Amino acid sequence: MAVGRITKEELLEKLNKKEDVIIIDVRNFDAFAGSPVKIPGAIRMGLDEIEKRCGSLDAKKEAITYCT
């Protein structure tokens, strides 16, 4: 499976178009908790959790990970 990169502008465009995507915030817990910047609807999932939790995600949807 190919993994690509998108820009923040491309993500914003997807959100504005209300595309049905899964957004995963991969920041560590402290960075996430201490940040006022959060994308509404994003799932907080640390990098160390992705492998064991990815099976619970809808495989038909595009998954986008992000960190700051």
Protein backbone atom coordinates (compact mmCIF):
# COMPACT_ATOMS: atom_id res chain seq x y z
CA MET A 1 0.00 0.00 0.00
CA ALA A 2 1.36 3.38 -0.98
CA VAL A 3 1.64 6.07 1.65
CA GLY A 4 1.69 9.64 0.43
CA ARG A 5 1.88 13.07 1.95
CA ILE A 6 -0.59 15.90 1.71
CA THR A 7 -0.21 19.53 2.67
CA LYS A 8 -2.22 21.27 5.37
CA GLU A 9 -4.01 23.11 2.56
CA GLU A 10 -5.00 19.79 0.96
CA LEU A 11 -6.31 18.54 4.31
CA LEU A 12 -8.28 21.74 4.81
CA GLU A 13 -9.78 21.32 1.33
CA LYS A 14 -10.87 17.76 2.20
CA LEU A 15 -12.44 19.00 5.43
CA ASN A 16 -14.20 21.89 3.68
CA LYS A 17 -15.59 19.45 1.09
CA LYS A 18 -16.74 17.23 3.97
CA GLU A 19 -14.88 14.25 2.53
CA ASP A 20 -15.36 11.13 4.62
CA VAL A 21 -11.82 10.68 5.95
CA ILE A 22 -10.36 9.45 9.21
CA ILE A 23 -8.00 11.94 10.81
CA ILE A 24 -5.54 10.53 13.34
CA ASP A 25 -3.62 12.87 15.63
CA VAL A 26 -0.36 11.01 16.38
CA ARG A 27 1.14 13.54 18.80
CA ASN A 28 2.27 12.09 22.11
CA PHE A 29 -0.18 12.55 24.96
CA ASP A 30 1.62 15.53 26.54
CA ALA A 31 1.87 17.41 23.23
CA PHE A 32 -1.78 16.71 22.49
CA ALA A 33 -3.02 17.66 25.97
CA GLY A 34 -0.97 20.85 26.06
CA SER A 35 -2.01 22.12 22.66
CA PRO A 36 -5.00 24.36 22.00
CA VAL A 37 -4.91 23.20 18.36
CA LYS A 38 -7.04 20.13 17.71
CA ILE A 39 -8.89 19.09 14.58
CA PRO A 40 -12.54 18.42 15.44
CA GLY A 41 -13.38 14.74 15.02
CA ALA A 42 -9.75 13.61 14.92
CA ILE A 43 -8.84 10.43 16.76
CA ARG A 44 -5.90 10.74 19.18
CA MET A 45 -3.73 7.68 18.63
CA GLY A 46 -0.04 7.63 19.49
CA LEU A 47 2.43 6.23 16.99
CA ASP A 48 3.00 3.28 19.31
CA GLU A 49 -0.73 2.43 19.15
CA ILE A 50 -1.34 2.58 15.40
CA GLU A 51 -0.36 -0.98 14.55
CA LYS A 52 -2.58 -2.56 17.20
CA ARG A 53 -5.53 -0.19 16.71
CA CYS A 54 -5.60 0.23 12.92
CA GLY A 55 -7.83 -2.82 12.54
CA SER A 56 -10.61 -0.93 14.32
CA LEU A 57 -10.67 1.77 11.62
CA ASP A 58 -12.91 1.70 8.55
CA ALA A 59 -10.65 0.32 5.80
CA LYS A 60 -12.81 1.92 3.11
CA LYS A 61 -11.97 5.43 4.30
CA GLU A 62 -8.79 7.37 3.66
CA ALA A 63 -6.81 7.68 6.90
CA ILE A 64 -4.74 10.82 7.41
CA THR A 65 -2.24 11.10 10.25
CA TYR A 66 -0.87 14.37 11.49
CA CYS A 67 1.29 15.87 14.20
CA THR A 68 2.61 19.33 14.92
